[in-house]
PDB file of N, CA and C in Angstrom:
ATOM      1  N   MET A   1     225.112  71.563 -40.366  1.00  0.00           N
ATOM      2  CA  MET A   1     225.912  71.116 -41.089  1.00  0.00           C
ATOM      3  C   MET A   1     227.727  70.887 -40.789  1.00  0.00           C
ATOM      4  N   ILE A   2     228.119  69.901 -40.487  1.00  0.00           N
ATOM      5  CA  ILE A   2     229.593  70.028 -40.542  1.00  0.00           C
ATOM      6  C   ILE A   2     230.318  70.385 -42.006  1.00  0.00           C
ATOM      7  N   SER A   3     230.966  71.791 -42.193  1.00  0.00           N
ATOM      8  CA  SER A   3     231.498  71.918 -42.896  1.00  0.00           C
ATOM      9  C   SER A   3     233.251  71.309 -43.445  1.00  0.00           C
ATOM     10  N   LYS A   4     234.054  70.824 -42.210  1.00  0.00           N
ATOM     11  CA  LYS A   4     235.252  70.935 -42.038  1.00  0.00           C
ATOM     12  C   LYS A   4     235.485  70.013 -40.823  1.00  0.00           C
ATOM     13  N   ILE A   5     236.272  69.143 -40.871  1.00  0.00           N
ATOM     14  CA  ILE A   5     236.730  68.535 -39.782  1.00  0.00           C
ATOM     15  C   ILE A   5     238.367  68.084 -39.965  1.00  0.00           C
ATOM     16  N   SER A   6     239.099  68.384 -38.961  1.00  0.00           N
ATOM     17  CA  SER A   6     240.285  68.213 -38.688  1.00  0.00           C
ATOM     18  C   SER A   6     240.655  67.652 -37.873  1.00  0.00           C
ATOM     19  N   ILE A   7     241.816  66.406 -38.048  1.00  0.00           N
ATOM     20  CA  ILE A   7     241.970  65.489 -37.317  1.00  0.00           C
ATOM     21  C   ILE A   7     243.585  65.434 -37.452  1.00  0.00           C
ATOM     22  N   LYS A   8     244.053  65.066 -35.982  1.00  0.00           N
ATOM     23  CA  LYS A   8     245.855  64.861 -35.419  1.00  0.00           C
ATOM     24  C   LYS A   8     245.853  64.423 -34.756  1.00  0.00           C
ATOM     25  N   ASN A   9     247.315  63.358 -34.577  1.00  0.00           N
ATOM     26  CA  ASN A   9     247.712  63.312 -33.542  1.00  0.00           C
ATOM     27  C   ASN A   9     246.694  62.424 -32.470  1.00  0.00           C
ATOM     28  N   ILE A  10     245.796  61.392 -33.448  1.00  0.00           N
ATOM     29  CA  ILE A  10     245.541  60.112 -32.858  1.00  0.00           C
ATOM     30  C   ILE A  10     245.153  59.064 -33.478  1.00  0.00           C
ATOM     31  N   ALA A  11     245.674  57.820 -33.448  1.00  0.00           N
ATOM     32  CA  ALA A  11     245.809  56.790 -33.531  1.00  0.00           C
ATOM     33  C   ALA A  11     246.714  56.965 -35.135  1.00  0.00           C
ATOM     34  N   SER A  12     245.847  56.072 -36.549  1.00  0.00           N
ATOM     35  CA  SER A  12     246.883  56.761 -37.352  1.00  0.00           C
ATOM     36  C   SER A  12     247.475  57.845 -38.041  1.00  0.00           C
ATOM     37  N   TYR A  13     246.658  58.898 -37.086  1.00  0.00           N
ATOM     38  CA  TYR A  13     246.945  60.189 -37.989  1.00  0.00           C
ATOM     39  C   TYR A  13     247.813  60.724 -37.291  1.00  0.00           C
ATOM     40  N   GLY A  14     248.778  61.534 -37.383  1.00  0.00           N
ATOM     41  CA  GLY A  14     249.944  62.451 -37.142  1.00  0.00           C
ATOM     42  C   GLY A  14     249.787  63.548 -36.612  1.00  0.00           C
ATOM     43  N   GLU A  15     251.320  64.352 -36.767  1.00  0.00           N
ATOM     44  CA  GLU A  15     251.065  65.653 -36.540  1.00  0.00           C
ATOM     45  C   GLU A  15     250.738  66.580 -37.765  1.00  0.00           C
ATOM     46  N   THR A  16     250.604  66.298 -39.084  1.00  0.00           N
ATOM     47  CA  THR A  16     250.077  67.231 -40.166  1.00  0.00           C
ATOM     48  C   THR A  16     248.429  66.854 -39.917  1.00  0.00           C
ATOM     49  N   PRO A  17     247.612  67.739 -40.051  1.00  0.00           N
ATOM     50  CA  PRO A  17     246.260  67.611 -39.783  1.00  0.00           C
ATOM     51  C   PRO A  17     245.716  66.858 -41.104  1.00  0.00           C
ATOM     52  N   ALA A  18     245.041  65.979 -41.170  1.00  0.00           N
ATOM     53  CA  ALA A  18     244.247  65.338 -42.427  1.00  0.00           C
ATOM     54  C   ALA A  18     242.851  66.309 -41.819  1.00  0.00           C
ATOM     55  N   VAL A  19     242.132  66.977 -43.402  1.00  0.00           N
ATOM     56  CA  VAL A  19     241.201  67.886 -43.505  1.00  0.00           C
ATOM     57  C   VAL A  19     240.596  67.116 -44.253  1.00  0.00           C
ATOM     58  N   LEU A  20     238.992  66.950 -43.715  1.00  0.00           N
ATOM     59  CA  LEU A  20     237.896  66.680 -44.563  1.00  0.00           C
ATOM     60  C   LEU A  20     236.965  67.918 -44.705  1.00  0.00           C
ATOM     61  N   GLU A  21     236.612  68.834 -45.810  1.00  0.00           N
ATOM     62  CA  GLU A  21     235.745  69.987 -46.278  1.00  0.00           C
ATOM     63  C   GLU A  21     234.597  69.303 -47.060  1.00  0.00           C
ATOM     64  N   THR A  22     233.348  69.296 -46.830  1.00  0.00           N
ATOM     65  CA  THR A  22     232.668  69.592 -47.452  1.00  0.00           C
ATOM     66  C   THR A  22     231.537  70.204 -47.421  1.00  0.00           C
ATOM     67  N   ASP A  23     230.619  69.981 -48.193  1.00  0.00           N
ATOM     68  CA  ASP A  23     228.955  70.572 -48.262  1.00  0.00           C
ATOM     69  C   ASP A  23     227.995  70.519 -48.339  1.00  0.00           C
ATOM     70  N   LYS A  24     228.141  68.979 -47.898  1.00  0.00           N
ATOM     71  CA  LYS A  24     227.039  68.272 -48.442  1.00  0.00           C
ATOM     72  C   LYS A  24     226.571  67.984 -46.911  1.00  0.00           C
ATOM     73  N   LYS A  25     225.074  67.572 -46.918  1.00  0.00           N
ATOM     74  CA  LYS A  25     224.345  67.245 -45.170  1.00  0.00           C
ATOM     75  C   LYS A  25     224.582  65.849 -44.905  1.00  0.00           C
ATOM     76  N   ILE A  26     224.729  64.488 -46.575  1.00  0.00           N
ATOM     77  CA  ILE A  26     224.929  63.350 -45.646  1.00  0.00           C
ATOM     78  C   ILE A  26     226.494  63.090 -46.449  1.00  0.00           C
ATOM     79  N   ASN A  27     227.119  62.338 -45.732  1.00  0.00           N
ATOM     80  CA  ASN A  27     228.550  62.112 -46.279  1.00  0.00           C
ATOM     81  C   ASN A  27     229.072  60.844 -46.045  1.00  0.00           C
ATOM     82  N   LEU A  28     228.924  60.164 -46.928  1.00  0.00           N
ATOM     83  CA  LEU A  28     229.606  58.626 -46.721  1.00  0.00           C
ATOM     84  C   LEU A  28     230.879  58.293 -46.750  1.00  0.00           C
ATOM     85  N   VAL A  29     231.660  58.355 -45.896  1.00  0.00           N
ATOM     86  CA  VAL A  29     232.853  58.181 -45.570  1.00  0.00           C
ATOM     87  C   VAL A  29     233.530  56.278 -45.725  1.00  0.00           C
ATOM     88  N   TYR A  30     234.603  56.327 -46.799  1.00  0.00           N
ATOM     89  CA  TYR A  30     235.008  54.533 -47.193  1.00  0.00           C
ATOM     90  C   TYR A  30     236.686  54.720 -47.251  1.00  0.00           C
ATOM     91  N   GLY A  31     236.899  53.365 -46.855  1.00  0.00           N
ATOM     92  CA  GLY A  31     238.408  53.535 -47.341  1.00  0.00           C
ATOM     93  C   GLY A  31     239.056  51.958 -46.812  1.00  0.00           C
ATOM     94  N   LEU A  32     240.319  51.795 -46.762  1.00  0.00           N
ATOM     95  CA  LEU A  32     240.757  50.566 -47.115  1.00  0.00           C
ATOM     96  C   LEU A  32     241.008  50.884 -45.480  1.00  0.00           C
ATOM     97  N   ASN A  33     241.545  49.099 -45.247  1.00  0.00           N
ATOM     98  CA  ASN A  33     241.241  49.137 -43.972  1.00  0.00           C
ATOM     99  C   ASN A  33     243.070  49.921 -43.509  1.00  0.00           C
ATOM    100  N   GLY A  34     242.801  50.541 -42.301  1.00  0.00           N
ATOM    101  CA  GLY A  34     243.890  51.331 -41.436  1.00  0.00           C
ATOM    102  C   GLY A  34     243.990  52.657 -42.113  1.00  0.00           C
ATOM    103  N   THR A  35     243.281  53.507 -42.918  1.00  0.00           N
ATOM    104  CA  THR A  35     243.003  54.531 -42.858  1.00  0.00           C
ATOM    105  C   THR A  35     242.241  55.350 -42.351  1.00  0.00           C
ATOM    106  N   GLY A  36     241.703  55.518 -40.797  1.00  0.00           N
ATOM    107  CA  GLY A  36     241.247  56.282 -40.138  1.00  0.00           C
ATOM    108  C   GLY A  36     239.628  56.511 -40.017  1.00  0.00           C
ATOM    109  N   LYS A  37     239.234  55.317 -40.653  1.00  0.00           N
ATOM    110  CA  LYS A  37     237.375  55.537 -40.681  1.00  0.00           C
ATOM    111  C   LYS A  37     237.370  55.274 -39.179  1.00  0.00           C
ATOM    112  N   THR A  38     237.428  54.435 -38.534  1.00  0.00           N
ATOM    113  CA  THR A  38     236.808  54.169 -37.298  1.00  0.00           C
ATOM    114  C   THR A  38     237.688  55.358 -36.053  1.00  0.00           C
ATOM    115  N   THR A  39     238.427  55.983 -36.465  1.00  0.00           N
ATOM    116  CA  THR A  39     238.727  57.155 -35.562  1.00  0.00           C
ATOM    117  C   THR A  39     237.719  58.532 -35.978  1.00  0.00           C
ATOM    118  N   LEU A  40     237.444  58.266 -37.114  1.00  0.00           N
ATOM    119  CA  LEU A  40     237.176  59.898 -37.545  1.00  0.00           C
ATOM    120  C   LEU A  40     235.560  59.495 -36.685  1.00  0.00           C
ATOM    121  N   SER A  41     235.452  58.616 -37.487  1.00  0.00           N
ATOM    122  CA  SER A  41     233.383  57.995 -36.638  1.00  0.00           C
ATOM    123  C   SER A  41     233.592  58.052 -35.294  1.00  0.00           C
ATOM    124  N   ASN A  42     234.541  57.603 -34.571  1.00  0.00           N
ATOM    125  CA  ASN A  42     234.941  57.886 -32.903  1.00  0.00           C
ATOM    126  C   ASN A  42     234.628  59.232 -32.405  1.00  0.00           C
ATOM    127  N   TYR A  43     235.238  60.178 -33.094  1.00  0.00           N
ATOM    128  CA  TYR A  43     235.527  61.384 -33.190  1.00  0.00           C
ATOM    129  C   TYR A  43     234.692  62.048 -33.318  1.00  0.00           C
ATOM    130  N   LEU A  44     233.243  61.627 -34.829  1.00  0.00           N
ATOM    131  CA  LEU A  44     232.314  62.393 -34.315  1.00  0.00           C
ATOM    132  C   LEU A  44     230.909  61.745 -33.407  1.00  0.00           C
ATOM    133  N   GLN A  45     230.945  60.866 -32.529  1.00  0.00           N
ATOM    134  CA  GLN A  45     230.659  60.272 -31.868  1.00  0.00           C
ATOM    135  C   GLN A  45     230.694  60.410 -30.270  1.00  0.00           C
ATOM    136  N   ASP A  46     231.706  61.287 -30.135  1.00  0.00           N
ATOM    137  CA  ASP A  46     232.465  61.259 -29.161  1.00  0.00           C
ATOM    138  C   ASP A  46     233.447  62.770 -28.985  1.00  0.00           C
ATOM    139  N   LYS A  47     232.792  64.002 -29.752  1.00  0.00           N
ATOM    140  CA  LYS A  47     234.254  64.919 -29.853  1.00  0.00           C
ATOM    141  C   LYS A  47     234.448  65.695 -28.472  1.00  0.00           C
ATOM    142  N   ASP A  48     234.098  65.035 -27.968  1.00  0.00           N
ATOM    143  CA  ASP A  48     234.495  66.001 -26.194  1.00  0.00           C
ATOM    144  C   ASP A  48     235.340  64.892 -25.807  1.00  0.00           C
ATOM    145  N   ASN A  49     235.956  64.087 -26.251  1.00  0.00           N
ATOM    146  CA  ASN A  49     237.177  62.504 -25.218  1.00  0.00           C
ATOM    147  C   ASN A  49     237.980  63.518 -25.295  1.00  0.00           C
ATOM    148  N   ASP A  50     239.050  63.400 -24.615  1.00  0.00           N
ATOM    149  CA  ASP A  50     239.971  64.087 -24.331  1.00  0.00           C
ATOM    150  C   ASP A  50     241.132  63.553 -25.346  1.00  0.00           C
ATOM    151  N   CYS A  51     240.741  62.498 -25.400  1.00  0.00           N
ATOM    152  CA  CYS A  51     241.926  61.797 -26.435  1.00  0.00           C
ATOM    153  C   CYS A  51     241.718  62.914 -28.268  1.00  0.00           C
ATOM    154  N   PHE A  52     240.734  63.406 -27.835  1.00  0.00           N
ATOM    155  CA  PHE A  52     240.574  64.017 -28.993  1.00  0.00           C
ATOM    156  C   PHE A  52     240.605  65.489 -29.314  1.00  0.00           C
ATOM    157  N   SER A  53     241.783  66.096 -28.492  1.00  0.00           N
ATOM    158  CA  SER A  53     241.567  67.255 -28.151  1.00  0.00           C
ATOM    159  C   SER A  53     242.729  67.901 -29.475  1.00  0.00           C
ATOM    160  N   CYS A  54     243.441  67.420 -30.136  1.00  0.00           N
ATOM    161  CA  CYS A  54     244.170  67.837 -31.436  1.00  0.00           C
ATOM    162  C   CYS A  54     243.505  68.280 -32.422  1.00  0.00           C
ATOM    163  N   CYS A  55     241.785  67.900 -32.141  1.00  0.00           N
ATOM    164  CA  CYS A  55     240.784  67.615 -33.917  1.00  0.00           C
ATOM    165  C   CYS A  55     239.803  68.609 -33.246  1.00  0.00           C
ATOM    166  N   SER A  56     239.462  69.008 -34.547  1.00  0.00           N
ATOM    167  CA  SER A  56     238.511  70.094 -34.367  1.00  0.00           C
ATOM    168  C   SER A  56     237.481  69.786 -35.664  1.00  0.00           C
ATOM    169  N   ILE A  57     236.061  70.222 -35.187  1.00  0.00           N
ATOM    170  CA  ILE A  57     234.704  70.436 -36.196  1.00  0.00           C
ATOM    171  C   ILE A  57     234.098  72.040 -36.455  1.00  0.00           C
ATOM    172  N   SER A  58     234.022  71.843 -37.615  1.00  0.00           N
ATOM    173  CA  SER A  58     233.515  73.812 -38.170  1.00  0.00           C
ATOM    174  C   SER A  58     232.311  73.377 -38.726  1.00  0.00           C
ATOM    175  N   GLY A  59     231.229  73.912 -38.241  1.00  0.00           N
ATOM    176  CA  GLY A  59     229.903  73.993 -38.929  1.00  0.00           C
ATOM    177  C   GLY A  59     228.595  73.450 -38.254  1.00  0.00           C
ATOM    178  N   LEU A  60     228.883  72.727 -37.029  1.00  0.00           N
ATOM    179  CA  LEU A  60     227.664  72.312 -36.251  1.00  0.00           C
ATOM    180  C   LEU A  60     227.344  73.248 -35.499  1.00  0.00           C
ATOM    181  N   SER A  61     226.095  73.429 -35.583  1.00  0.00           N
ATOM    182  CA  SER A  61     225.528  74.131 -34.828  1.00  0.00           C
ATOM    183  C   SER A  61     224.635  73.174 -33.217  1.00  0.00           C
ATOM    184  N   ASN A  62     223.530  72.877 -33.736  1.00  0.00           N
ATOM    185  CA  ASN A  62     222.438  71.669 -32.951  1.00  0.00           C
ATOM    186  C   ASN A  62     222.681  70.463 -33.673  1.00  0.00           C
ATOM    187  N   GLU A  63     222.825  70.465 -34.537  1.00  0.00           N
ATOM    188  CA  GLU A  63     222.409  68.548 -35.658  1.00  0.00           C
ATOM    189  C   GLU A  63     222.695  67.578 -34.901  1.00  0.00           C
ATOM    190  N   LYS A  64     222.204  66.844 -34.847  1.00  0.00           N
ATOM    191  CA  LYS A  64     222.516  65.620 -34.705  1.00  0.00           C
ATOM    192  C   LYS A  64     223.491  64.721 -35.774  1.00  0.00           C
ATOM    193  N   VAL A  65     224.302  64.549 -35.306  1.00  0.00           N
ATOM    194  CA  VAL A  65     225.368  63.771 -35.985  1.00  0.00           C
ATOM    195  C   VAL A  65     224.707  62.130 -35.386  1.00  0.00           C
ATOM    196  N   LEU A  66     224.684  61.457 -36.904  1.00  0.00           N
ATOM    197  CA  LEU A  66     224.488  60.283 -36.835  1.00  0.00           C
ATOM    198  C   LEU A  66     225.585  59.020 -37.781  1.00  0.00           C
ATOM    199  N   VAL A  67     226.328  58.046 -36.418  1.00  0.00           N
ATOM    200  CA  VAL A  67     227.109  57.458 -37.264  1.00  0.00           C
ATOM    201  C   VAL A  67     227.091  56.265 -37.270  1.00  0.00           C
ATOM    202  N   TYR A  68     227.349  55.422 -37.745  1.00  0.00           N
ATOM    203  CA  TYR A  68     227.247  53.824 -38.236  1.00  0.00           C
ATOM    204  C   TYR A  68     228.378  53.737 -38.100  1.00  0.00           C
ATOM    205  N   ASN A  69     228.669  52.783 -36.747  1.00  0.00           N
ATOM    206  CA  ASN A  69     230.477  52.193 -36.860  1.00  0.00           C
ATOM    207  C   ASN A  69     229.827  51.075 -35.924  1.00  0.00           C
ATOM    208  N   GLN A  70     231.196  50.089 -35.812  1.00  0.00           N
ATOM    209  CA  GLN A  70     230.991  49.264 -34.683  1.00  0.00           C
ATOM    210  C   GLN A  70     230.078  49.373 -33.134  1.00  0.00           C
ATOM    211  N   LYS A  71     230.999  50.697 -33.111  1.00  0.00           N
ATOM    212  CA  LYS A  71     230.872  51.327 -31.736  1.00  0.00           C
ATOM    213  C   LYS A  71     228.920  51.373 -31.482  1.00  0.00           C
ATOM    214  N   PHE A  72     228.375  51.780 -32.604  1.00  0.00           N
ATOM    215  CA  PHE A  72     226.399  51.913 -32.733  1.00  0.00           C
ATOM    216  C   PHE A  72     226.037  49.961 -32.564  1.00  0.00           C
ATOM    217  N   VAL A  73     226.390  49.228 -33.597  1.00  0.00           N
ATOM    218  CA  VAL A  73     226.086  48.101 -33.864  1.00  0.00           C
ATOM    219  C   VAL A  73     226.260  47.723 -31.732  1.00  0.00           C
ATOM    220  N   THR A  74     227.351  47.784 -31.689  1.00  0.00           N
ATOM    221  CA  THR A  74     227.415  47.182 -29.817  1.00  0.00           C
ATOM    222  C   THR A  74     226.395  47.751 -28.980  1.00  0.00           C
ATOM    223  N   ASP A  75     226.191  49.168 -29.195  1.00  0.00           N
ATOM    224  CA  ASP A  75     225.657  49.612 -27.861  1.00  0.00           C
ATOM    225  C   ASP A  75     224.112  49.521 -28.381  1.00  0.00           C
ATOM    226  N   ASN A  76     223.739  49.375 -29.621  1.00  0.00           N
ATOM    227  CA  ASN A  76     222.411  49.419 -29.816  1.00  0.00           C
ATOM    228  C   ASN A  76     221.871  47.894 -30.217  1.00  0.00           C
ATOM    229  N   PHE A  77     222.451  46.883 -30.354  1.00  0.00           N
ATOM    230  CA  PHE A  77     222.399  45.166 -31.079  1.00  0.00           C
ATOM    231  C   PHE A  77     222.943  44.070 -30.422  1.00  0.00           C
ATOM    232  N   TYR A  78     224.046  44.315 -29.690  1.00  0.00           N
ATOM    233  CA  TYR A  78     224.391  43.653 -28.545  1.00  0.00           C
ATOM    234  C   TYR A  78     223.863  43.660 -27.102  1.00  0.00           C
ATOM    235  N   GLN A  79     222.938  43.716 -26.813  1.00  0.00           N
ATOM    236  CA  GLN A  79     222.150  43.982 -25.356  1.00  0.00           C
ATOM    237  C   GLN A  79     221.735  42.428 -24.597  1.00  0.00           C
ATOM    238  N   ASP A  80     220.950  42.293 -23.867  1.00  0.00           N
ATOM    239  CA  ASP A  80     220.036  40.706 -23.459  1.00  0.00           C
ATOM    240  C   ASP A  80     218.973  41.648 -23.573  1.00  0.00           C
ATOM    241  N   THR A  81     218.539  42.670 -23.758  1.00  0.00           N
ATOM    242  CA  THR A  81     216.911  42.743 -24.706  1.00  0.00           C
ATOM    243  C   THR A  81     217.277  43.792 -25.673  1.00  0.00           C
ATOM    244  N   GLN A  82     216.330  43.777 -26.806  1.00  0.00           N
ATOM    245  CA  GLN A  82     216.871  44.584 -27.984  1.00  0.00           C
ATOM    246  C   GLN A  82     215.626  45.430 -28.120  1.00  0.00           C
ATOM    247  N   ARG A  83     215.772  46.257 -27.956  1.00  0.00           N
ATOM    248  CA  ARG A  83     215.247  47.780 -27.994  1.00  0.00           C
ATOM    249  C   ARG A  83     214.592  48.048 -29.114  1.00  0.00           C
ATOM    250  N   GLY A  84     212.993  47.963 -29.250  1.00  0.00           N
ATOM    251  CA  GLY A  84     212.327  48.253 -30.433  1.00  0.00           C
ATOM    252  C   GLY A  84     212.283  46.930 -31.626  1.00  0.00           C
ATOM    253  N   ILE A  85     212.400  46.320 -31.577  1.00  0.00           N
ATOM    254  CA  ILE A  85     212.737  45.170 -32.689  1.00  0.00           C
ATOM    255  C   ILE A  85     211.645  43.864 -32.214  1.00  0.00           C
ATOM    256  N   PHE A  86     210.440  43.930 -32.636  1.00  0.00           N
ATOM    257  CA  PHE A  86     209.406  42.641 -32.824  1.00  0.00           C
ATOM    258  C   PHE A  86     208.855  42.285 -34.293  1.00  0.00           C
ATOM    259  N   SER A  87     208.425  41.347 -33.730  1.00  0.00           N
ATOM    260  CA  SER A  87     208.074  41.085 -35.244  1.00  0.00           C
ATOM    261  C   SER A  87     206.213  40.771 -35.020  1.00  0.00           C
ATOM    262  N   LEU A  88     205.751  40.644 -36.237  1.00  0.00           N
ATOM    263  CA  LEU A  88     204.418  40.586 -36.350  1.00  0.00           C
ATOM    264  C   LEU A  88     203.973  39.087 -36.862  1.00  0.00           C
ATOM    265  N   LYS A  89     202.811  38.547 -36.861  1.00  0.00           N
ATOM    266  CA  LYS A  89     202.808  37.075 -37.444  1.00  0.00           C
ATOM    267  C   LYS A  89     201.610  37.189 -37.714  1.00  0.00           C
ATOM    268  N   ASP A  90     200.932  36.231 -39.005  1.00  0.00           N
ATOM    269  CA  ASP A  90     199.842  36.512 -39.418  1.00  0.00           C
ATOM    270  C   ASP A  90     199.127  35.151 -38.504  1.00  0.00           C
ATOM    271  N   ARG A  91     198.566  34.896 -38.121  1.00  0.00           N
ATOM    272  CA  ARG A  91     197.711  34.026 -37.344  1.00  0.00           C
ATOM    273  C   ARG A  91     195.821  33.497 -38.150  1.00  0.00           C
ATOM    274  N   LYS A  92     196.699  32.464 -38.541  1.00  0.00           N
ATOM    275  CA  LYS A  92     195.234  31.860 -39.463  1.00  0.00           C
ATOM    276  C   LYS A  92     194.717  30.899 -38.653  1.00  0.00           C
ATOM    277  N   SER A  93     193.138  30.679 -38.694  1.00  0.00           N
ATOM    278  CA  SER A  93     192.384  29.957 -37.445  1.00  0.00           C
ATOM    279  C   SER A  93     192.895  28.455 -38.844  1.00  0.00           C
ATOM    280  N   VAL A  94     193.316  27.567 -37.876  1.00  0.00           N
ATOM    281  CA  VAL A  94     193.729  26.214 -38.165  1.00  0.00           C
ATOM    282  C   VAL A  94     192.273  25.286 -38.016  1.00  0.00           C
ATOM    283  N   VAL A  95     191.658  24.564 -39.745  1.00  0.00           N
ATOM    284  CA  VAL A  95     190.300  24.161 -39.502  1.00  0.00           C
ATOM    285  C   VAL A  95     190.734  22.399 -39.890  1.00  0.00           C
TER     286      VAL A  95
END
């Protein structure tokens, strides 16, 4: 479970770290445009990326972090074939 995230020196985050501390298993992050939500979600999806070298996260063991953002939508729904999406139709015979 994530207990603390510190983000600095990336996108709209400056030298002074923005710190989010929580004791909850599920967290919903919302805010106005330009406040850093996408940067935060990109960090959670790709913590090892060099652009996040000034950021840190505490409390994670082997938990899977699920992030629903534009990258998730693009990776999972905008492809030539849709994975795992199907429909069932009730076929009634015509007499």
